[in-house]
Structure formats: structure tokens, C-alpha cells
């Protein structure tokens, strides 16, 4: 088991860092912002909740009203943060929409009785909004903002580099019903993290995925009657995983599953590849992966096999 421990001595390294968190005015994002403050970081909050965001940013933070599905809105958050603090050390793509019904079976019809196109705004927010925060500033045509903006500003830092953390979900690994769109969006973000983790070592940034199991938030309260007295994460437990992913320099391309503790899923999956693929298929996959990675990136080593930096 690849247990990940929350180590205060590592989190102390966040002192003086500048952190951008989308969706930080409430819930897990708000709890994470407060914990970043406790460890001496400055926090920029992007959220539609102006009252909650401004209150949270009142001390040594920064607030920018942000619609994460809008490129211009996220770009304003990043530029104003960099202008105020002079750097961006960690970006937490946390904002997301929940899902309350299964669109596959809940049919809506237009005035002619024809099946209406499903509302996919959840995909726009959860997937495209996170991409905006993450991808590099190249000439690629990408309809997305968090990733792109994060890597752009990581390169502008006085010392280039940073950490990108995606708040995903256990549903990104295991699926779930009736939350089909939500589960799909979180699977997509896991694919993004795995792809960015390949780029990180050569470009000086790290990327990790947070996969919380059921957590006590304003959304989970609707499940109280169904869930009963079974164990449930606190927001602080998930926030500690977020801070660890930001602060721990040894973590890149990891999937931190949070269920009353933190366990990395990605490293064991990689180490046991020959068992779940079978020796022959695993050998063929690794041969092809290494060849393509060397052709496109210049080195064949899998990111989870690289030497681990010290904190």
C-alpha cells in the first residue's frame, strides 16, 4: 500500500508561496485556503461567490470574481494574482459542478416532441474549466483555461516551476451512478494529470490528482439519510491531501485517494502493470511507450520511475 503521510515539516515549505485556488469560497476549497494561510502561504481565490471570496481573502489573500468556464475570467484571476504577488507557486483546480440526476434516463422533449439535446454545462465547467488552468502557452488550439494558464505563469516565475493540483474524485477511478456526467468529467481530468506528469520533469512543474471518497460538504448533506453513520471524510482531511500534493516535491503524477487517510493509486498501478496487463501485453506497451516518449520528449523513462527529489 502506497500510503501518503501528511507531514507538517513538509507543509511548512509552503510559507511564502502564492497559491491560486478556483472554487475556494466554500467547501473543500475554502478549508484548503484557510489551511494554506496557516502554513504561511498567500492565497488567490477565484469564485463566483463574491461575498464569501472577499471575506476569505480579507487578510493576506486576493479575490477575483471568476467563472472557470470563461477564458477571460480565469485569465483575469491569474494576471491579477501575478501582478499583486509577483509569482504563482501552486494552482489548485478545485471548482466543479455536482450532478443530481442521470441525464441518460431523464428525457426532455421540445415542442415537437423530439428529444432535446442534453445540458452539458457540467462538462464545460469540470473539464474545460480545468484545462484552462493547466495547459502550456503554445500555439495549440485548445478550448480550455486553468492548466494552460498555470503552466504559462509557472514559466514567468522568478524561479520557473510550480505545482498543479486537480481536485478530482473517487468517481474518477471507480465510476458511479447516477452521476454519469460527473464521473465522466473526473475520469477526463485523471487523463489530463497523467499526460501533464510526463511533461513536468523536463519543464520544472509537478501535477497531481486528488481523489476524495465521500466528503462532508454542502452537497453531501443531501445523502445523509442514505449514507447513515458510515465513515465520511472531513473537509480538512481532503484539504491536507491538497496541501501535501502542492508541497511534497517527491509527488508527481500521483492519484491521492482520500478515505479517512491518503493512499496513492498511481504508483502501485504502474508497479503492478505486468500483473493486470499480463507480461506480454505489458512488455509491448512499455516498448511502445518508451519509444514514443523518447521520440517526442527526448527521454524514455516513465515519470514514476524517475529519481525522487528531496523536500
C-alpha atoms as a PDB file:
ATOM      1  CA  UNK A   1       0.000   0.000   0.000  1.00  0.00           C
ATOM      2  CA  UNK A   2       1.408   3.395  -1.033  1.00  0.00           C
ATOM      3  CA  UNK A   3       0.337   5.410   1.997  1.00  0.00           C
ATOM      4  CA  UNK A   4       0.941   9.163   1.825  1.00  0.00           C
ATOM      5  CA  UNK A   5       1.506  10.835   5.165  1.00  0.00           C
ATOM      6  CA  UNK A   6       0.668  14.444   5.991  1.00  0.00           C
ATOM      7  CA  UNK A   7       3.975  15.822   7.276  1.00  0.00           C
ATOM      8  CA  UNK A   8       3.914  19.252   8.919  1.00  0.00           C
ATOM      9  CA  UNK A   9       7.638  19.701   8.260  1.00  0.00           C
ATOM     10  CA  UNK A  10       6.938  19.409   4.518  1.00  0.00           C
ATOM     11  CA  UNK A  11       3.883  21.672   4.633  1.00  0.00           C
ATOM     12  CA  UNK A  12       5.996  24.357   6.307  1.00  0.00           C
ATOM     13  CA  UNK A  13       7.689  24.710   2.929  1.00  0.00           C
ATOM     14  CA  UNK A  14       4.513  26.447   1.724  1.00  0.00           C
ATOM     15  CA  UNK A  15       5.429  29.560   3.705  1.00  0.00           C
ATOM     16  CA  UNK A  16       5.796  32.495   1.331  1.00  0.00           C
ATOM     17  CA  UNK A  17       4.288  30.602  -1.626  1.00  0.00           C
ATOM     18  CA  UNK A  18       1.482  32.046  -3.735  1.00  0.00           C
ATOM     19  CA  UNK A  19      -1.438  29.672  -4.343  1.00  0.00           C
ATOM     20  CA  UNK A  20      -4.368  30.100  -6.721  1.00  0.00           C
ATOM     21  CA  UNK A  21      -7.497  28.093  -5.859  1.00  0.00           C
ATOM     22  CA  UNK A  22     -10.594  28.062  -8.026  1.00  0.00           C
ATOM     23  CA  UNK A  23     -13.874  27.417  -6.223  1.00  0.00           C
ATOM     24  CA  UNK A  24     -12.403  28.410  -2.852  1.00  0.00           C
ATOM     25  CA  UNK A  25     -15.231  30.482  -1.372  1.00  0.00           C
ATOM     26  CA  UNK A  26     -16.963  27.400   0.033  1.00  0.00           C
ATOM     27  CA  UNK A  27     -16.485  23.738   0.868  1.00  0.00           C
ATOM     28  CA  UNK A  28     -13.180  21.918   0.393  1.00  0.00           C
ATOM     29  CA  UNK A  29     -11.623  24.880  -1.420  1.00  0.00           C
ATOM     30  CA  UNK A  30     -12.373  27.215   1.482  1.00  0.00           C
ATOM     31  CA  UNK A  31     -10.961  24.750   4.007  1.00  0.00           C
ATOM     32  CA  UNK A  32      -7.828  24.334   1.883  1.00  0.00           C
ATOM     33  CA  UNK A  33      -7.394  28.118   1.589  1.00  0.00           C
ATOM     34  CA  UNK A  34      -7.535  28.504   5.365  1.00  0.00           C
ATOM     35  CA  UNK A  35      -5.005  25.712   5.803  1.00  0.00           C
ATOM     36  CA  UNK A  36      -2.669  27.333   3.263  1.00  0.00           C
ATOM     37  CA  UNK A  37      -2.925  30.521   5.309  1.00  0.00           C
ATOM     38  CA  UNK A  38      -1.977  28.607   8.462  1.00  0.00           C
ATOM     39  CA  UNK A  39       1.224  27.450   6.786  1.00  0.00           C
ATOM     40  CA  UNK A  40       2.167  30.950   5.653  1.00  0.00           C
ATOM     41  CA  UNK A  41       1.058  30.930   2.016  1.00  0.00           C
ATOM     42  CA  UNK A  42      -0.723  33.755   0.212  1.00  0.00           C
ATOM     43  CA  UNK A  43      -3.924  32.625  -1.476  1.00  0.00           C
ATOM     44  CA  UNK A  44      -5.714  33.962  -4.542  1.00  0.00           C
ATOM     45  CA  UNK A  45      -9.342  32.896  -4.664  1.00  0.00           C
ATOM     46  CA  UNK A  46     -11.325  32.573  -7.865  1.00  0.00           C
ATOM     47  CA  UNK A  47     -15.048  32.083  -7.337  1.00  0.00           C
ATOM     48  CA  UNK A  48     -18.470  33.384  -8.346  1.00  0.00           C
ATOM     49  CA  UNK A  49     -19.366  33.917  -4.673  1.00  0.00           C
ATOM     50  CA  UNK A  50     -18.155  37.485  -4.209  1.00  0.00           C
ATOM     51  CA  UNK A  51     -19.195  37.839  -0.562  1.00  0.00           C
ATOM     52  CA  UNK A  52     -17.604  34.556   0.534  1.00  0.00           C
ATOM     53  CA  UNK A  53     -14.489  35.033  -1.585  1.00  0.00           C
ATOM     54  CA  UNK A  54     -13.808  38.585  -0.421  1.00  0.00           C
ATOM     55  CA  UNK A  55     -14.261  37.583   3.216  1.00  0.00           C
ATOM     56  CA  UNK A  56     -11.789  34.724   2.846  1.00  0.00           C
ATOM     57  CA  UNK A  57      -9.252  36.933   1.086  1.00  0.00           C
ATOM     58  CA  UNK A  58      -9.520  39.764   3.610  1.00  0.00           C
ATOM     59  CA  UNK A  59      -6.232  39.062   5.453  1.00  0.00           C
ATOM     60  CA  UNK A  60      -3.330  38.312   3.116  1.00  0.00           C
ATOM     61  CA  UNK A  61      -5.263  36.927   0.175  1.00  0.00           C
ATOM     62  CA  UNK A  62      -6.614  38.120  -3.137  1.00  0.00           C
ATOM     63  CA  UNK A  63     -10.057  37.649  -4.657  1.00  0.00           C
ATOM     64  CA  UNK A  64     -11.164  37.826  -8.255  1.00  0.00           C
ATOM     65  CA  UNK A  65     -14.721  37.006  -9.300  1.00  0.00           C
ATOM     66  CA  UNK A  66     -14.182  34.023 -11.586  1.00  0.00           C
ATOM     67  CA  UNK A  67     -16.302  31.922 -13.904  1.00  0.00           C
ATOM     68  CA  UNK A  68     -13.990  28.977 -14.581  1.00  0.00           C
ATOM     69  CA  UNK A  69     -15.774  28.111 -17.824  1.00  0.00           C
ATOM     70  CA  UNK A  70     -14.666  31.512 -19.182  1.00  0.00           C
ATOM     71  CA  UNK A  71     -11.146  32.017 -20.517  1.00  0.00           C
ATOM     72  CA  UNK A  72     -11.248  35.784 -19.937  1.00  0.00           C
ATOM     73  CA  UNK A  73     -12.454  35.334 -16.368  1.00  0.00           C
ATOM     74  CA  UNK A  74      -9.715  32.867 -15.425  1.00  0.00           C
ATOM     75  CA  UNK A  75      -7.078  34.890 -17.276  1.00  0.00           C
ATOM     76  CA  UNK A  76      -8.020  37.923 -15.158  1.00  0.00           C
ATOM     77  CA  UNK A  77      -7.625  35.845 -11.972  1.00  0.00           C
ATOM     78  CA  UNK A  78      -4.126  34.704 -12.956  1.00  0.00           C
ATOM     79  CA  UNK A  79      -2.890  38.051 -14.238  1.00  0.00           C
ATOM     80  CA  UNK A  80      -4.145  39.993 -11.214  1.00  0.00           C
ATOM     81  CA  UNK A  81      -2.583  37.431  -8.869  1.00  0.00           C
ATOM     82  CA  UNK A  82       0.777  37.619 -10.609  1.00  0.00           C
ATOM     83  CA  UNK A  83       0.622  41.409 -10.643  1.00  0.00           C
ATOM     84  CA  UNK A  84      -0.092  41.539  -6.899  1.00  0.00           C
ATOM     85  CA  UNK A  85       2.311  38.864  -5.637  1.00  0.00           C
ATOM     86  CA  UNK A  86       4.929  38.524  -8.384  1.00  0.00           C
ATOM     87  CA  UNK A  87       4.697  34.741  -8.695  1.00  0.00           C
ATOM     88  CA  UNK A  88       2.358  31.728  -8.798  1.00  0.00           C
ATOM     89  CA  UNK A  89       3.762  28.705  -6.973  1.00  0.00           C
ATOM     90  CA  UNK A  90       0.783  26.367  -6.870  1.00  0.00           C
ATOM     91  CA  UNK A  91      -2.545  26.182  -8.689  1.00  0.00           C
ATOM     92  CA  UNK A  92      -5.420  24.123  -7.294  1.00  0.00           C
ATOM     93  CA  UNK A  93      -8.117  23.472  -9.913  1.00  0.00           C
ATOM     94  CA  UNK A  94     -10.884  22.835  -7.421  1.00  0.00           C
ATOM     95  CA  UNK A  95     -14.049  24.427  -8.801  1.00  0.00           C
ATOM     96  CA  UNK A  96     -16.598  21.923 -10.105  1.00  0.00           C
ATOM     97  CA  UNK A  97     -20.294  21.246 -10.513  1.00  0.00           C
ATOM     98  CA  UNK A  98     -22.065  18.326  -8.847  1.00  0.00           C
ATOM     99  CA  UNK A  99     -24.680  16.188 -10.568  1.00  0.00           C
ATOM    100  CA  UNK A 100     -28.067  15.314  -9.113  1.00  0.00           C
ATOM    101  CA  UNK A 101     -29.726  13.249 -11.824  1.00  0.00           C
ATOM    102  CA  UNK A 102     -28.792  10.771 -14.523  1.00  0.00           C
ATOM    103  CA  UNK A 103     -29.234  12.543 -17.864  1.00  0.00           C
ATOM    104  CA  UNK A 104     -29.126   9.213 -19.711  1.00  0.00           C
ATOM    105  CA  UNK A 105     -32.578   8.288 -18.409  1.00  0.00           C
ATOM    106  CA  UNK A 106     -34.162  11.682 -17.640  1.00  0.00           C
ATOM    107  CA  UNK A 107     -35.524  12.615 -21.072  1.00  0.00           C
ATOM    108  CA  UNK A 108     -36.659  16.111 -22.032  1.00  0.00           C
ATOM    109  CA  UNK A 109     -38.550  16.890 -25.243  1.00  0.00           C
ATOM    110  CA  UNK A 110     -39.015  20.017 -27.307  1.00  0.00           C
ATOM    111  CA  UNK A 111     -42.332  21.452 -28.524  1.00  0.00           C
ATOM    112  CA  UNK A 112     -42.335  18.982 -31.415  1.00  0.00           C
ATOM    113  CA  UNK A 113     -41.902  16.011 -29.124  1.00  0.00           C
ATOM    114  CA  UNK A 114     -38.298  15.452 -30.227  1.00  0.00           C
ATOM    115  CA  UNK A 115     -35.612  14.510 -27.721  1.00  0.00           C
ATOM    116  CA  UNK A 116     -33.793  17.665 -26.572  1.00  0.00           C
ATOM    117  CA  UNK A 117     -30.008  17.974 -26.557  1.00  0.00           C
ATOM    118  CA  UNK A 118     -28.699  17.242 -23.026  1.00  0.00           C
ATOM    119  CA  UNK A 119     -27.347  20.092 -20.936  1.00  0.00           C
ATOM    120  CA  UNK A 120     -23.584  19.508 -20.728  1.00  0.00           C
ATOM    121  CA  UNK A 121     -22.568  22.636 -18.833  1.00  0.00           C
ATOM    122  CA  UNK A 122     -21.127  20.333 -16.146  1.00  0.00           C
ATOM    123  CA  UNK A 123     -18.572  19.095 -18.706  1.00  0.00           C
ATOM    124  CA  UNK A 124     -17.734  22.696 -19.659  1.00  0.00           C
ATOM    125  CA  UNK A 125     -17.102  23.627 -16.035  1.00  0.00           C
ATOM    126  CA  UNK A 126     -15.421  20.469 -14.746  1.00  0.00           C
ATOM    127  CA  UNK A 127     -13.283  19.598 -17.768  1.00  0.00           C
ATOM    128  CA  UNK A 128     -12.808  22.671 -19.964  1.00  0.00           C
ATOM    129  CA  UNK A 129     -12.528  24.976 -16.966  1.00  0.00           C
ATOM    130  CA  UNK A 130      -9.739  22.832 -15.505  1.00  0.00           C
ATOM    131  CA  UNK A 131      -7.900  22.650 -18.811  1.00  0.00           C
ATOM    132  CA  UNK A 132      -7.868  26.445 -18.880  1.00  0.00           C
ATOM    133  CA  UNK A 133      -5.895  26.366 -15.649  1.00  0.00           C
ATOM    134  CA  UNK A 134      -3.378  23.812 -16.828  1.00  0.00           C
ATOM    135  CA  UNK A 135      -2.033  23.689 -20.378  1.00  0.00           C
ATOM    136  CA  UNK A 136       1.140  25.288 -21.660  1.00  0.00           C
ATOM    137  CA  UNK A 137       1.095  28.528 -23.618  1.00  0.00           C
ATOM    138  CA  UNK A 138       1.839  27.216 -27.107  1.00  0.00           C
ATOM    139  CA  UNK A 139       0.224  27.778 -30.462  1.00  0.00           C
ATOM    140  CA  UNK A 140      -2.034  24.783 -29.972  1.00  0.00           C
ATOM    141  CA  UNK A 141      -5.756  25.367 -30.413  1.00  0.00           C
ATOM    142  CA  UNK A 142      -7.276  24.220 -27.129  1.00  0.00           C
ATOM    143  CA  UNK A 143     -10.746  25.204 -25.941  1.00  0.00           C
ATOM    144  CA  UNK A 144      -9.858  25.322 -22.262  1.00  0.00           C
ATOM    145  CA  UNK A 145      -8.211  27.625 -19.344  1.00  0.00           C
ATOM    146  CA  UNK A 146      -6.785  26.502 -15.772  1.00  0.00           C
ATOM    147  CA  UNK A 147      -3.938  24.241 -16.963  1.00  0.00           C
ATOM    148  CA  UNK A 148      -2.874  26.472 -19.792  1.00  0.00           C
ATOM    149  CA  UNK A 149      -2.750  29.500 -17.532  1.00  0.00           C
ATOM    150  CA  UNK A 150      -0.968  27.655 -14.733  1.00  0.00           C
ATOM    151  CA  UNK A 151       1.930  26.498 -16.881  1.00  0.00           C
ATOM    152  CA  UNK A 152       2.180  29.884 -18.568  1.00  0.00           C
ATOM    153  CA  UNK A 153       2.623  31.622 -15.214  1.00  0.00           C
ATOM    154  CA  UNK A 154       4.896  28.895 -13.821  1.00  0.00           C
ATOM    155  CA  UNK A 155       7.297  29.813 -16.618  1.00  0.00           C
ATOM    156  CA  UNK A 156       7.061  33.508 -15.736  1.00  0.00           C
ATOM    157  CA  UNK A 157       8.048  32.954 -12.092  1.00  0.00           C
ATOM    158  CA  UNK A 158      11.387  34.436 -10.954  1.00  0.00           C
ATOM    159  CA  UNK A 159      12.409  30.807 -10.451  1.00  0.00           C
ATOM    160  CA  UNK A 160      10.415  28.900 -13.078  1.00  0.00           C
ATOM    161  CA  UNK A 161       8.288  25.992 -11.887  1.00  0.00           C
ATOM    162  CA  UNK A 162       5.292  25.185  -9.730  1.00  0.00           C
ATOM    163  CA  UNK A 163       2.752  22.576  -8.710  1.00  0.00           C
ATOM    164  CA  UNK A 164      -0.599  21.929 -10.347  1.00  0.00           C
ATOM    165  CA  UNK A 165      -3.213  20.049  -8.316  1.00  0.00           C
ATOM    166  CA  UNK A 166      -6.557  18.835  -9.650  1.00  0.00           C
ATOM    167  CA  UNK A 167      -9.375  18.161  -7.205  1.00  0.00           C
ATOM    168  CA  UNK A 168     -10.881  15.089  -8.824  1.00  0.00           C
ATOM    169  CA  UNK A 169     -12.942  12.383  -7.181  1.00  0.00           C
ATOM    170  CA  UNK A 170     -13.004   8.691  -6.352  1.00  0.00           C
ATOM    171  CA  UNK A 171     -15.569   8.674  -9.173  1.00  0.00           C
ATOM    172  CA  UNK A 172     -12.630   9.380 -11.489  1.00  0.00           C
ATOM    173  CA  UNK A 173     -11.347   5.875 -10.758  1.00  0.00           C
ATOM    174  CA  UNK A 174     -14.399   3.820  -9.921  1.00  0.00           C
ATOM    175  CA  UNK A 175     -17.312   5.425 -11.732  1.00  0.00           C
ATOM    176  CA  UNK A 176     -20.698   5.876 -10.181  1.00  0.00           C
ATOM    177  CA  UNK A 177     -24.414   6.032 -10.820  1.00  0.00           C
ATOM    178  CA  UNK A 178     -26.467   8.159 -11.245  1.00  0.00           C
ATOM    179  CA  UNK A 179     -23.620  10.701 -11.598  1.00  0.00           C
ATOM    180  CA  UNK A 180     -22.698   9.775 -15.175  1.00  0.00           C
ATOM    181  CA  UNK A 181     -21.580  13.215 -16.388  1.00  0.00           C
ATOM    182  CA  UNK A 182     -19.731  13.933 -13.143  1.00  0.00           C
ATOM    183  CA  UNK A 183     -17.873  10.611 -13.254  1.00  0.00           C
ATOM    184  CA  UNK A 184     -17.015  11.151 -16.916  1.00  0.00           C
ATOM    185  CA  UNK A 185     -15.596  14.601 -16.143  1.00  0.00           C
ATOM    186  CA  UNK A 186     -13.425  13.289 -13.317  1.00  0.00           C
ATOM    187  CA  UNK A 187     -12.084  10.434 -15.468  1.00  0.00           C
ATOM    188  CA  UNK A 188     -11.131  13.053 -18.075  1.00  0.00           C
ATOM    189  CA  UNK A 189      -9.189  15.063 -15.501  1.00  0.00           C
ATOM    190  CA  UNK A 190      -7.270  11.966 -14.416  1.00  0.00           C
ATOM    191  CA  UNK A 191      -6.166  11.545 -18.038  1.00  0.00           C
ATOM    192  CA  UNK A 192      -5.055  15.181 -18.054  1.00  0.00           C
ATOM    193  CA  UNK A 193      -2.964  14.707 -14.906  1.00  0.00           C
ATOM    194  CA  UNK A 194      -1.276  11.599 -16.317  1.00  0.00           C
ATOM    195  CA  UNK A 195      -0.425  13.486 -19.509  1.00  0.00           C
ATOM    196  CA  UNK A 196       0.904  16.568 -17.746  1.00  0.00           C
ATOM    197  CA  UNK A 197       3.016  14.404 -15.426  1.00  0.00           C
ATOM    198  CA  UNK A 198       5.050  13.343 -18.472  1.00  0.00           C
ATOM    199  CA  UNK A 199       5.860  16.981 -19.292  1.00  0.00           C
ATOM    200  CA  UNK A 200       6.601  18.065 -15.722  1.00  0.00           C
ATOM    201  CA  UNK A 201      10.134  16.762 -15.116  1.00  0.00           C
ATOM    202  CA  UNK A 202      11.593  18.495 -18.179  1.00  0.00           C
ATOM    203  CA  UNK A 203       9.693  21.756 -17.616  1.00  0.00           C
ATOM    204  CA  UNK A 204      10.018  22.126 -13.874  1.00  0.00           C
ATOM    205  CA  UNK A 205       6.472  21.571 -12.663  1.00  0.00           C
ATOM    206  CA  UNK A 206       4.549  18.780 -10.928  1.00  0.00           C
ATOM    207  CA  UNK A 207       0.943  17.624 -11.386  1.00  0.00           C
ATOM    208  CA  UNK A 208      -1.167  15.504  -9.014  1.00  0.00           C
ATOM    209  CA  UNK A 209      -4.770  14.315  -8.748  1.00  0.00           C
ATOM    210  CA  UNK A 210      -6.837  14.334  -5.547  1.00  0.00           C
ATOM    211  CA  UNK A 211      -9.493  11.592  -5.429  1.00  0.00           C
ATOM    212  CA  UNK A 212     -11.662  12.054  -2.332  1.00  0.00           C
ATOM    213  CA  UNK A 213     -14.212   9.457  -1.346  1.00  0.00           C
ATOM    214  CA  UNK A 214     -17.475  10.831   0.070  1.00  0.00           C
ATOM    215  CA  UNK A 215     -16.727  14.047   1.964  1.00  0.00           C
ATOM    216  CA  UNK A 216     -18.911  16.111   4.274  1.00  0.00           C
ATOM    217  CA  UNK A 217     -19.836  19.231   2.274  1.00  0.00           C
ATOM    218  CA  UNK A 218     -22.972  21.187   1.488  1.00  0.00           C
ATOM    219  CA  UNK A 219     -23.526  18.780  -1.406  1.00  0.00           C
ATOM    220  CA  UNK A 220     -23.114  15.549   0.566  1.00  0.00           C
ATOM    221  CA  UNK A 221     -25.720  16.625   3.126  1.00  0.00           C
ATOM    222  CA  UNK A 222     -28.393  15.501   0.645  1.00  0.00           C
ATOM    223  CA  UNK A 223     -27.089  11.934   1.064  1.00  0.00           C
ATOM    224  CA  UNK A 224     -27.212  11.876   4.879  1.00  0.00           C
ATOM    225  CA  UNK A 225     -30.302   9.694   5.024  1.00  0.00           C
ATOM    226  CA  UNK A 226     -28.870   7.174   2.546  1.00  0.00           C
ATOM    227  CA  UNK A 227     -25.306   7.201   3.930  1.00  0.00           C
ATOM    228  CA  UNK A 228     -26.257   6.946   7.578  1.00  0.00           C
ATOM    229  CA  UNK A 229     -23.439   6.731  10.132  1.00  0.00           C
ATOM    230  CA  UNK A 230     -20.838   5.231   7.765  1.00  0.00           C
ATOM    231  CA  UNK A 231     -17.372   6.868   7.788  1.00  0.00           C
ATOM    232  CA  UNK A 232     -17.083  10.056   5.753  1.00  0.00           C
ATOM    233  CA  UNK A 233     -14.135  12.356   5.039  1.00  0.00           C
ATOM    234  CA  UNK A 234     -13.900  15.722   6.715  1.00  0.00           C
ATOM    235  CA  UNK A 235     -13.056  18.687   4.520  1.00  0.00           C
ATOM    236  CA  UNK A 236      -9.810  19.086   6.459  1.00  0.00           C
ATOM    237  CA  UNK A 237      -8.693  15.561   5.523  1.00  0.00           C
ATOM    238  CA  UNK A 238      -9.138  16.373   1.834  1.00  0.00           C
ATOM    239  CA  UNK A 239      -7.523  19.808   2.250  1.00  0.00           C
ATOM    240  CA  UNK A 240      -4.468  18.167   3.831  1.00  0.00           C
ATOM    241  CA  UNK A 241      -4.119  15.977   0.744  1.00  0.00           C
ATOM    242  CA  UNK A 242      -4.277  19.075  -1.471  1.00  0.00           C
ATOM    243  CA  UNK A 243      -1.577  20.839   0.536  1.00  0.00           C
ATOM    244  CA  UNK A 244       0.580  17.714   0.515  1.00  0.00           C
ATOM    245  CA  UNK A 245       0.311  17.469  -3.275  1.00  0.00           C
ATOM    246  CA  UNK A 246       1.375  21.113  -3.535  1.00  0.00           C
ATOM    247  CA  UNK A 247       4.229  20.953  -1.029  1.00  0.00           C
ATOM    248  CA  UNK A 248       5.783  17.497  -1.394  1.00  0.00           C
ATOM    249  CA  UNK A 249       8.389  17.699  -4.172  1.00  0.00           C
ATOM    250  CA  UNK A 250       8.550  13.905  -4.404  1.00  0.00           C
ATOM    251  CA  UNK A 251       4.993  13.701  -5.756  1.00  0.00           C
ATOM    252  CA  UNK A 252       4.326  13.947  -9.486  1.00  0.00           C
ATOM    253  CA  UNK A 253       1.645  12.107 -11.426  1.00  0.00           C
ATOM    254  CA  UNK A 254       0.140  10.655  -8.266  1.00  0.00           C
ATOM    255  CA  UNK A 255      -3.505   9.950  -7.518  1.00  0.00           C
ATOM    256  CA  UNK A 256      -4.168  10.658  -3.856  1.00  0.00           C
ATOM    257  CA  UNK A 257      -7.229   8.649  -2.846  1.00  0.00           C
ATOM    258  CA  UNK A 258      -8.644  10.146   0.367  1.00  0.00           C
ATOM    259  CA  UNK A 259     -10.760   7.894   2.594  1.00  0.00           C
ATOM    260  CA  UNK A 260     -10.004   8.698   6.243  1.00  0.00           C
ATOM    261  CA  UNK A 261      -6.350   8.618   5.174  1.00  0.00           C
ATOM    262  CA  UNK A 262      -4.370   9.117   1.964  1.00  0.00           C
ATOM    263  CA  UNK A 263      -3.250   6.357  -0.391  1.00  0.00           C
ATOM    264  CA  UNK A 264      -1.568   6.828  -3.770  1.00  0.00           C
ATOM    265  CA  UNK A 265      -3.211   4.774  -6.524  1.00  0.00           C
ATOM    266  CA  UNK A 266      -0.946   5.641  -9.447  1.00  0.00           C
ATOM    267  CA  UNK A 267       2.422   4.260  -8.308  1.00  0.00           C
ATOM    268  CA  UNK A 268       1.068   0.772  -7.402  1.00  0.00           C
ATOM    269  CA  UNK A 269      -0.831   0.657 -10.712  1.00  0.00           C
ATOM    270  CA  UNK A 270       2.418   1.362 -12.530  1.00  0.00           C
ATOM    271  CA  UNK A 271       4.452  -1.104 -10.486  1.00  0.00           C
ATOM    272  CA  UNK A 272       1.912  -3.898 -10.999  1.00  0.00           C
ATOM    273  CA  UNK A 273       1.449  -3.240 -14.700  1.00  0.00           C
ATOM    274  CA  UNK A 274       2.596  -6.698 -15.789  1.00  0.00           C
ATOM    275  CA  UNK A 275       0.054  -8.307 -13.469  1.00  0.00           C
ATOM    276  CA  UNK A 276      -3.037  -6.515 -14.694  1.00  0.00           C
ATOM    277  CA  UNK A 277      -1.972  -6.302 -18.346  1.00  0.00           C
ATOM    278  CA  UNK A 278      -0.193  -9.647 -18.474  1.00  0.00           C
ATOM    279  CA  UNK A 279       3.583  -9.964 -19.082  1.00  0.00           C
ATOM    280  CA  UNK A 280       3.419  -9.957 -22.906  1.00  0.00           C
ATOM    281  CA  UNK A 281       0.998  -7.044 -23.228  1.00  0.00           C
ATOM    282  CA  UNK A 282       2.912  -5.065 -20.590  1.00  0.00           C
ATOM    283  CA  UNK A 283       6.196  -5.623 -22.437  1.00  0.00           C
ATOM    284  CA  UNK A 284       4.697  -4.443 -25.733  1.00  0.00           C
ATOM    285  CA  UNK A 285       3.097  -1.421 -24.073  1.00  0.00           C
ATOM    286  CA  UNK A 286       6.306  -0.375 -22.333  1.00  0.00           C
ATOM    287  CA  UNK A 287       8.360  -0.813 -25.505  1.00  0.00           C
ATOM    288  CA  UNK A 288       5.974   1.390 -27.453  1.00  0.00           C
ATOM    289  CA  UNK A 289       5.555   3.961 -24.679  1.00  0.00           C
ATOM    290  CA  UNK A 290       9.303   4.353 -24.200  1.00  0.00           C
ATOM    291  CA  UNK A 291       9.919   4.639 -27.957  1.00  0.00           C
ATOM    292  CA  UNK A 292       7.240   7.305 -28.470  1.00  0.00           C
ATOM    293  CA  UNK A 293       8.226   9.242 -25.366  1.00  0.00           C
ATOM    294  CA  UNK A 294      11.862   9.331 -26.442  1.00  0.00           C
ATOM    295  CA  UNK A 295      10.837  10.430 -29.934  1.00  0.00           C
ATOM    296  CA  UNK A 296       8.627  13.267 -28.682  1.00  0.00           C
ATOM    297  CA  UNK A 297      10.201  14.160 -25.346  1.00  0.00           C
ATOM    298  CA  UNK A 298      13.827  13.091 -25.734  1.00  0.00           C
ATOM    299  CA  UNK A 299      13.980  10.552 -22.915  1.00  0.00           C
ATOM    300  CA  UNK A 300      12.290   7.155 -22.446  1.00  0.00           C
ATOM    301  CA  UNK A 301      11.967   6.886 -18.648  1.00  0.00           C
ATOM    302  CA  UNK A 302       8.451   6.752 -17.192  1.00  0.00           C
ATOM    303  CA  UNK A 303       7.837   9.693 -14.845  1.00  0.00           C
ATOM    304  CA  UNK A 304       7.080   7.346 -11.946  1.00  0.00           C
ATOM    305  CA  UNK A 305      10.499   5.699 -12.387  1.00  0.00           C
ATOM    306  CA  UNK A 306      12.493   8.943 -12.208  1.00  0.00           C
ATOM    307  CA  UNK A 307      14.633   9.705  -9.121  1.00  0.00           C
ATOM    308  CA  UNK A 308      12.550  11.266  -6.355  1.00  0.00           C
ATOM    309  CA  UNK A 309      13.525  14.854  -5.478  1.00  0.00           C
ATOM    310  CA  UNK A 310      14.090  15.612  -1.812  1.00  0.00           C
ATOM    311  CA  UNK A 311      11.932  18.121   0.055  1.00  0.00           C
END
